[in-house]
Amino acid sequence: MAKIYQIVIDTNVIVSALRSKRGASFRLVSLIGDERWQMNVSVPLVFEYEDVLKREGQVLTLSRSEVEDVVDFICATANHRTIFYLWRPFLPDPHDDLILELAVEANADFTVTYNRRDFRGVGRFGIGVVTPAEFLKVIGEIA
């Protein structure tokens, strides 16, 4: 039986996926629900997704309703986790701390982000920090 990876996707990857249909982030987001991996979310991360996507809506050429549809789809397919322990402050950015807390709660294999340097030190929790292209390689989606 193949390993099913548990991941947390940083907001910057979701924004990138909605900006362009050509990159690794779009490919990853298009694979949400794939049997090789499971996305994990928490209430704070869903609120962040919604807030950032609505602020970026004009750049993304998405209406508020379309942003809500994207967030609803993520919520319908992802594992929902409740955070019982806060690790704050651990990382320089509190928005990154909420991703770390979720990754720890979900026993995630990876946090997928474009800001790898912002997650320095999370290896002590057994969590890998990878870009979308690196994760796609892990699951055999790209060579």
N, C-alpha and C. Protein backbone atom coordinates (compact mmCIF):
# COMPACT_ATOMS: atom_id res chain seq x y z
N MET A 1 0.85 -1.18 0.00
CA MET A 1 0.00 0.00 0.00
C MET A 1 0.89 1.24 0.00
N ALA A 2 0.63 2.16 -0.90
CA ALA A 2 1.43 3.38 -1.03
C ALA A 2 1.11 4.35 0.11
N LYS A 3 2.11 5.12 0.49
CA LYS A 3 1.94 6.13 1.53
C LYS A 3 1.02 7.24 1.03
N ILE A 4 0.14 7.69 1.88
CA ILE A 4 -0.70 8.84 1.58
C ILE A 4 -0.11 10.01 2.38
N TYR A 5 0.44 10.98 1.68
CA TYR A 5 1.10 12.11 2.32
C TYR A 5 0.08 13.08 2.89
N GLN A 6 0.39 13.57 4.06
CA GLN A 6 -0.40 14.62 4.69
C GLN A 6 0.33 15.94 4.47
N ILE A 7 -0.38 16.93 3.92
CA ILE A 7 0.28 18.20 3.65
C ILE A 7 -0.56 19.38 4.11
N VAL A 8 0.11 20.50 4.28
CA VAL A 8 -0.53 21.79 4.52
C VAL A 8 -0.02 22.71 3.42
N ILE A 9 -0.94 23.39 2.76
CA ILE A 9 -0.58 24.28 1.66
C ILE A 9 -0.66 25.73 2.13
N ASP A 10 0.47 26.42 2.00
CA ASP A 10 0.56 27.83 2.38
C ASP A 10 -0.31 28.67 1.44
N THR A 11 -0.79 29.77 1.95
CA THR A 11 -1.66 30.66 1.18
C THR A 11 -1.00 31.14 -0.11
N ASN A 12 0.32 31.36 -0.09
CA ASN A 12 0.98 31.87 -1.29
C ASN A 12 0.88 30.89 -2.45
N VAL A 13 0.77 29.61 -2.16
CA VAL A 13 0.62 28.60 -3.22
C VAL A 13 -0.78 28.67 -3.82
N ILE A 14 -1.79 28.86 -2.99
CA ILE A 14 -3.16 28.97 -3.49
C ILE A 14 -3.29 30.22 -4.37
N VAL A 15 -2.73 31.34 -3.91
CA VAL A 15 -2.77 32.58 -4.69
C VAL A 15 -2.07 32.37 -6.03
N SER A 16 -0.90 31.77 -6.01
CA SER A 16 -0.14 31.52 -7.24
C SER A 16 -0.94 30.64 -8.20
N ALA A 17 -1.59 29.63 -7.68
CA ALA A 17 -2.38 28.73 -8.52
C ALA A 17 -3.52 29.46 -9.21
N LEU A 18 -4.10 30.42 -8.53
CA LEU A 18 -5.23 31.14 -9.10
C LEU A 18 -4.79 32.28 -10.02
N ARG A 19 -3.52 32.64 -9.94
CA ARG A 19 -2.98 33.67 -10.84
C ARG A 19 -2.66 33.12 -12.22
N SER A 20 -2.17 31.87 -12.27
CA SER A 20 -1.71 31.31 -13.54
C SER A 20 -2.02 29.83 -13.60
N LYS A 21 -2.42 29.37 -14.77
CA LYS A 21 -2.72 27.96 -14.96
C LYS A 21 -1.50 27.19 -15.47
N ARG A 22 -0.34 27.83 -15.49
CA ARG A 22 0.83 27.19 -16.08
C ARG A 22 1.83 26.63 -15.08
N GLY A 23 1.76 26.98 -13.84
CA GLY A 23 2.80 26.60 -12.89
C GLY A 23 2.50 25.36 -12.07
N ALA A 24 3.50 25.03 -11.26
CA ALA A 24 3.39 23.86 -10.37
C ALA A 24 2.30 24.05 -9.33
N SER A 25 2.10 25.28 -8.87
CA SER A 25 1.05 25.51 -7.88
C SER A 25 -0.33 25.21 -8.46
N PHE A 26 -0.58 25.61 -9.69
CA PHE A 26 -1.86 25.29 -10.33
C PHE A 26 -2.02 23.78 -10.46
N ARG A 27 -0.97 23.10 -10.87
CA ARG A 27 -1.04 21.64 -11.01
C ARG A 27 -1.36 21.00 -9.66
N LEU A 28 -0.70 21.45 -8.60
CA LEU A 28 -0.96 20.90 -7.27
C LEU A 28 -2.40 21.14 -6.84
N VAL A 29 -2.86 22.37 -6.98
CA VAL A 29 -4.23 22.69 -6.56
C VAL A 29 -5.25 21.92 -7.40
N SER A 30 -4.93 21.70 -8.67
CA SER A 30 -5.85 20.92 -9.51
C SER A 30 -5.91 19.46 -9.07
N LEU A 31 -4.94 19.04 -8.27
CA LEU A 31 -4.92 17.66 -7.77
C LEU A 31 -5.52 17.51 -6.37
N ILE A 32 -6.11 18.57 -5.84
CA ILE A 32 -6.75 18.45 -4.52
C ILE A 32 -7.81 17.36 -4.62
N GLY A 33 -7.76 16.42 -3.69
CA GLY A 33 -8.65 15.27 -3.71
C GLY A 33 -7.99 14.02 -4.28
N ASP A 34 -6.78 14.16 -4.79
CA ASP A 34 -6.01 13.02 -5.32
C ASP A 34 -5.75 12.02 -4.20
N GLU A 35 -5.73 10.75 -4.52
CA GLU A 35 -5.58 9.71 -3.49
C GLU A 35 -4.16 9.57 -2.96
N ARG A 36 -3.18 10.23 -3.57
CA ARG A 36 -1.79 10.11 -3.11
C ARG A 36 -1.46 11.03 -1.94
N TRP A 37 -2.31 12.02 -1.70
CA TRP A 37 -2.05 12.97 -0.63
C TRP A 37 -3.35 13.57 -0.13
N GLN A 38 -3.28 14.11 1.09
CA GLN A 38 -4.44 14.75 1.68
C GLN A 38 -4.05 16.13 2.17
N MET A 39 -4.86 17.08 1.82
CA MET A 39 -4.68 18.45 2.29
C MET A 39 -5.33 18.59 3.65
N ASN A 40 -4.72 19.38 4.51
CA ASN A 40 -5.24 19.62 5.85
C ASN A 40 -5.49 21.11 6.04
N VAL A 41 -6.60 21.44 6.69
CA VAL A 41 -6.93 22.83 6.98
C VAL A 41 -7.40 22.96 8.42
N SER A 42 -7.32 24.18 8.91
CA SER A 42 -7.87 24.55 10.22
C SER A 42 -8.72 25.79 10.00
N VAL A 43 -9.51 26.15 10.97
CA VAL A 43 -10.34 27.35 10.85
C VAL A 43 -9.48 28.59 10.59
N PRO A 44 -8.39 28.80 11.35
CA PRO A 44 -7.58 29.99 11.06
C PRO A 44 -7.01 30.00 9.64
N LEU A 45 -6.59 28.86 9.12
CA LEU A 45 -6.04 28.83 7.77
C LEU A 45 -7.12 29.09 6.72
N VAL A 46 -8.31 28.56 6.90
CA VAL A 46 -9.41 28.81 5.97
C VAL A 46 -9.74 30.30 5.96
N PHE A 47 -9.78 30.92 7.15
CA PHE A 47 -10.04 32.37 7.21
C PHE A 47 -8.94 33.14 6.48
N GLU A 48 -7.69 32.69 6.63
CA GLU A 48 -6.60 33.37 5.93
C GLU A 48 -6.74 33.21 4.42
N TYR A 49 -7.02 31.98 3.96
CA TYR A 49 -7.24 31.77 2.53
C TYR A 49 -8.29 32.75 2.01
N GLU A 50 -9.43 32.78 2.70
CA GLU A 50 -10.55 33.61 2.24
C GLU A 50 -10.18 35.09 2.25
N ASP A 51 -9.54 35.55 3.32
CA ASP A 51 -9.17 36.95 3.43
C ASP A 51 -8.19 37.36 2.33
N VAL A 52 -7.14 36.60 2.15
CA VAL A 52 -6.13 36.94 1.15
C VAL A 52 -6.71 36.85 -0.26
N LEU A 53 -7.46 35.80 -0.55
CA LEU A 53 -8.02 35.65 -1.89
C LEU A 53 -9.02 36.76 -2.21
N LYS A 54 -9.77 37.20 -1.24
CA LYS A 54 -10.71 38.30 -1.49
C LYS A 54 -9.96 39.61 -1.71
N ARG A 55 -8.86 39.83 -0.97
CA ARG A 55 -8.06 41.03 -1.18
C ARG A 55 -7.38 41.01 -2.54
N GLU A 56 -6.98 39.82 -2.99
CA GLU A 56 -6.29 39.67 -4.28
C GLU A 56 -7.27 39.44 -5.43
N GLY A 57 -8.55 39.44 -5.14
CA GLY A 57 -9.56 39.08 -6.12
C GLY A 57 -9.45 39.78 -7.45
N GLN A 58 -9.22 41.10 -7.44
CA GLN A 58 -9.12 41.83 -8.71
C GLN A 58 -7.92 41.38 -9.52
N VAL A 59 -6.79 41.17 -8.85
CA VAL A 59 -5.59 40.69 -9.54
C VAL A 59 -5.83 39.29 -10.09
N LEU A 60 -6.56 38.49 -9.33
CA LEU A 60 -6.84 37.12 -9.74
C LEU A 60 -8.01 37.05 -10.73
N THR A 61 -8.67 38.15 -10.94
CA THR A 61 -9.88 38.24 -11.77
C THR A 61 -10.97 37.27 -11.30
N LEU A 62 -11.12 37.21 -10.00
CA LEU A 62 -12.17 36.38 -9.40
C LEU A 62 -13.14 37.27 -8.64
N SER A 63 -14.40 36.95 -8.74
CA SER A 63 -15.41 37.66 -7.95
C SER A 63 -15.37 37.11 -6.52
N ARG A 64 -16.01 37.82 -5.62
CA ARG A 64 -16.09 37.33 -4.23
C ARG A 64 -16.77 35.97 -4.19
N SER A 65 -17.78 35.79 -5.01
CA SER A 65 -18.50 34.52 -5.08
C SER A 65 -17.58 33.39 -5.56
N GLU A 66 -16.77 33.68 -6.55
CA GLU A 66 -15.83 32.66 -7.05
C GLU A 66 -14.77 32.32 -6.00
N VAL A 67 -14.31 33.32 -5.26
CA VAL A 67 -13.36 33.06 -4.16
C VAL A 67 -14.02 32.16 -3.13
N GLU A 68 -15.26 32.44 -2.80
CA GLU A 68 -15.99 31.60 -1.84
C GLU A 68 -16.15 30.18 -2.36
N ASP A 69 -16.36 30.03 -3.66
CA ASP A 69 -16.46 28.69 -4.25
C ASP A 69 -15.15 27.92 -4.11
N VAL A 70 -14.03 28.60 -4.34
CA VAL A 70 -12.71 27.96 -4.19
C VAL A 70 -12.51 27.51 -2.75
N VAL A 71 -12.80 28.40 -1.82
CA VAL A 71 -12.62 28.08 -0.39
C VAL A 71 -13.58 26.95 0.01
N ASP A 72 -14.80 26.99 -0.48
CA ASP A 72 -15.76 25.92 -0.18
C ASP A 72 -15.27 24.57 -0.71
N PHE A 73 -14.70 24.57 -1.91
CA PHE A 73 -14.16 23.33 -2.48
C PHE A 73 -13.03 22.79 -1.61
N ILE A 74 -12.14 23.67 -1.20
CA ILE A 74 -11.03 23.24 -0.32
C ILE A 74 -11.60 22.65 0.96
N CYS A 75 -12.55 23.32 1.55
CA CYS A 75 -13.15 22.83 2.81
C CYS A 75 -13.86 21.50 2.62
N ALA A 76 -14.46 21.29 1.46
CA ALA A 76 -15.19 20.05 1.20
C ALA A 76 -14.26 18.87 0.98
N THR A 77 -13.03 19.11 0.57
CA THR A 77 -12.13 18.01 0.23
C THR A 77 -11.00 17.79 1.23
N ALA A 78 -10.68 18.79 2.02
CA ALA A 78 -9.53 18.70 2.93
C ALA A 78 -9.92 18.06 4.27
N ASN A 79 -8.90 17.58 4.97
CA ASN A 79 -9.09 17.11 6.35
C ASN A 79 -9.18 18.34 7.25
N HIS A 80 -10.18 18.36 8.11
CA HIS A 80 -10.35 19.48 9.04
C HIS A 80 -9.68 19.13 10.35
N ARG A 81 -8.83 20.01 10.83
CA ARG A 81 -8.11 19.79 12.08
C ARG A 81 -8.42 20.91 13.07
N THR A 82 -8.54 20.54 14.32
CA THR A 82 -8.72 21.51 15.39
C THR A 82 -7.40 21.67 16.10
N ILE A 83 -6.99 22.90 16.30
CA ILE A 83 -5.71 23.18 16.94
C ILE A 83 -5.93 23.28 18.45
N PHE A 84 -5.21 22.43 19.18
CA PHE A 84 -5.34 22.44 20.64
C PHE A 84 -4.12 23.03 21.33
N TYR A 85 -3.02 23.17 20.59
CA TYR A 85 -1.79 23.67 21.21
C TYR A 85 -1.15 24.67 20.27
N LEU A 86 -0.84 25.86 20.79
CA LEU A 86 -0.21 26.89 19.99
C LEU A 86 1.30 26.88 20.20
N TRP A 87 2.05 26.95 19.13
CA TRP A 87 3.52 26.97 19.19
C TRP A 87 4.05 28.39 19.09
N ARG A 88 3.20 29.37 19.20
CA ARG A 88 3.59 30.77 18.98
C ARG A 88 4.36 31.32 20.16
N PRO A 89 5.24 32.23 19.92
CA PRO A 89 5.82 32.51 18.60
C PRO A 89 6.99 31.56 18.34
N PHE A 90 6.96 30.92 17.20
CA PHE A 90 8.07 30.05 16.80
C PHE A 90 8.72 30.58 15.53
N LEU A 91 7.89 31.01 14.59
CA LEU A 91 8.37 31.54 13.32
C LEU A 91 8.25 33.07 13.33
N PRO A 92 9.00 33.74 12.47
CA PRO A 92 8.96 35.20 12.46
C PRO A 92 7.59 35.80 12.12
N ASP A 93 6.79 35.12 11.31
CA ASP A 93 5.50 35.64 10.88
C ASP A 93 4.39 34.84 11.56
N PRO A 94 3.49 35.50 12.30
CA PRO A 94 2.40 34.79 12.97
C PRO A 94 1.51 34.00 12.00
N HIS A 95 1.39 34.47 10.74
CA HIS A 95 0.61 33.71 9.77
C HIS A 95 1.29 32.39 9.44
N ASP A 96 2.60 32.35 9.52
CA ASP A 96 3.31 31.09 9.32
C ASP A 96 3.17 30.19 10.54
N ASP A 97 3.08 30.78 11.73
CA ASP A 97 2.87 29.98 12.94
C ASP A 97 1.57 29.19 12.85
N LEU A 98 0.51 29.78 12.29
CA LEU A 98 -0.76 29.04 12.20
C LEU A 98 -0.62 27.86 11.25
N ILE A 99 0.25 27.96 10.26
CA ILE A 99 0.50 26.84 9.36
C ILE A 99 1.32 25.77 10.08
N LEU A 100 2.31 26.18 10.86
CA LEU A 100 3.10 25.23 11.64
C LEU A 100 2.20 24.49 12.63
N GLU A 101 1.34 25.20 13.33
CA GLU A 101 0.45 24.56 14.30
C GLU A 101 -0.44 23.52 13.64
N LEU A 102 -0.95 23.85 12.48
CA LEU A 102 -1.78 22.90 11.73
C LEU A 102 -0.96 21.70 11.29
N ALA A 103 0.24 21.95 10.78
CA ALA A 103 1.09 20.85 10.31
C ALA A 103 1.43 19.89 11.45
N VAL A 104 1.70 20.43 12.62
CA VAL A 104 2.00 19.59 13.79
C VAL A 104 0.75 18.78 14.16
N GLU A 105 -0.40 19.43 14.24
CA GLU A 105 -1.65 18.75 14.59
C GLU A 105 -1.99 17.65 13.60
N ALA A 106 -1.73 17.90 12.32
CA ALA A 106 -2.06 16.94 11.27
C ALA A 106 -1.00 15.87 11.08
N ASN A 107 0.09 15.97 11.85
CA ASN A 107 1.23 15.08 11.66
C ASN A 107 1.64 15.08 10.17
N ALA A 108 1.72 16.31 9.63
CA ALA A 108 1.97 16.49 8.21
C ALA A 108 3.38 16.06 7.82
N ASP A 109 3.47 15.49 6.64
CA ASP A 109 4.78 15.16 6.07
C ASP A 109 5.44 16.41 5.52
N PHE A 110 4.62 17.30 4.95
CA PHE A 110 5.15 18.49 4.28
C PHE A 110 4.26 19.71 4.47
N THR A 111 4.93 20.85 4.53
CA THR A 111 4.29 22.14 4.31
C THR A 111 4.73 22.56 2.93
N VAL A 112 3.78 22.91 2.08
CA VAL A 112 4.09 23.30 0.70
C VAL A 112 3.98 24.82 0.62
N THR A 113 5.09 25.47 0.28
CA THR A 113 5.17 26.93 0.29
C THR A 113 6.21 27.42 -0.69
N TYR A 114 6.10 28.69 -1.05
CA TYR A 114 7.15 29.35 -1.82
C TYR A 114 8.11 30.10 -0.90
N ASN A 115 7.80 30.16 0.38
CA ASN A 115 8.63 30.89 1.35
C ASN A 115 9.35 29.93 2.28
N ARG A 116 10.19 29.08 1.73
CA ARG A 116 10.88 28.07 2.53
C ARG A 116 11.68 28.66 3.68
N ARG A 117 12.34 29.78 3.41
CA ARG A 117 13.20 30.37 4.46
C ARG A 117 12.38 30.80 5.68
N ASP A 118 11.11 31.12 5.47
CA ASP A 118 10.27 31.55 6.59
C ASP A 118 9.93 30.39 7.53
N PHE A 119 10.20 29.16 7.10
CA PHE A 119 9.87 27.99 7.91
C PHE A 119 11.12 27.30 8.45
N ARG A 120 12.22 28.02 8.52
CA ARG A 120 13.44 27.43 9.09
C ARG A 120 13.18 26.93 10.50
N GLY A 121 13.67 25.73 10.77
CA GLY A 121 13.54 25.18 12.11
C GLY A 121 12.37 24.22 12.29
N VAL A 122 11.45 24.15 11.33
CA VAL A 122 10.30 23.26 11.53
C VAL A 122 10.68 21.80 11.35
N GLY A 123 11.87 21.54 10.84
CA GLY A 123 12.34 20.15 10.73
C GLY A 123 12.38 19.47 12.09
N ARG A 124 12.54 20.22 13.15
CA ARG A 124 12.54 19.62 14.50
C ARG A 124 11.21 18.97 14.82
N PHE A 125 10.15 19.34 14.10
CA PHE A 125 8.83 18.74 14.27
C PHE A 125 8.60 17.58 13.30
N GLY A 126 9.61 17.28 12.48
CA GLY A 126 9.49 16.19 11.52
C GLY A 126 8.71 16.56 10.28
N ILE A 127 8.63 17.86 10.00
CA ILE A 127 7.86 18.35 8.86
C ILE A 127 8.82 18.86 7.80
N GLY A 128 8.67 18.35 6.58
CA GLY A 128 9.46 18.86 5.47
C GLY A 128 8.83 20.13 4.92
N VAL A 129 9.67 20.99 4.39
CA VAL A 129 9.20 22.23 3.77
C VAL A 129 9.63 22.18 2.31
N VAL A 130 8.65 22.16 1.40
CA VAL A 130 8.93 21.98 -0.02
C VAL A 130 8.12 22.97 -0.85
N THR A 131 8.60 23.21 -2.06
CA THR A 131 7.84 24.01 -3.02
C THR A 131 6.80 23.10 -3.69
N PRO A 132 5.85 23.68 -4.39
CA PRO A 132 4.89 22.84 -5.12
C PRO A 132 5.57 21.88 -6.10
N ALA A 133 6.57 22.35 -6.84
CA ALA A 133 7.27 21.47 -7.80
C ALA A 133 7.97 20.32 -7.08
N GLU A 134 8.57 20.60 -5.94
CA GLU A 134 9.23 19.54 -5.18
C GLU A 134 8.23 18.51 -4.69
N PHE A 135 7.06 18.97 -4.23
CA PHE A 135 6.05 18.00 -3.78
C PHE A 135 5.52 17.19 -4.95
N LEU A 136 5.31 17.82 -6.09
CA LEU A 136 4.85 17.08 -7.27
C LEU A 136 5.85 15.97 -7.65
N LYS A 137 7.13 16.22 -7.44
CA LYS A 137 8.14 15.18 -7.68
C LYS A 137 7.99 14.04 -6.68
N VAL A 138 7.74 14.40 -5.42
CA VAL A 138 7.57 13.38 -4.37
C VAL A 138 6.46 12.41 -4.73
N ILE A 139 5.35 12.93 -5.26
CA ILE A 139 4.21 12.05 -5.57
C ILE A 139 4.29 11.48 -6.99
N GLY A 140 5.39 11.77 -7.68
CA GLY A 140 5.59 11.18 -9.01
C GLY A 140 4.82 11.87 -10.11
N GLU A 141 4.37 13.08 -9.86
CA GLU A 141 3.58 13.80 -10.85
C GLU A 141 4.47 14.43 -11.93
N ILE A 142 5.68 14.82 -11.53
CA ILE A 142 6.66 15.34 -12.50
C ILE A 142 8.00 14.69 -12.21
N ALA A 143 8.83 14.59 -13.25
CA ALA A 143 10.15 13.93 -13.11
C ALA A 143 11.16 14.85 -12.47
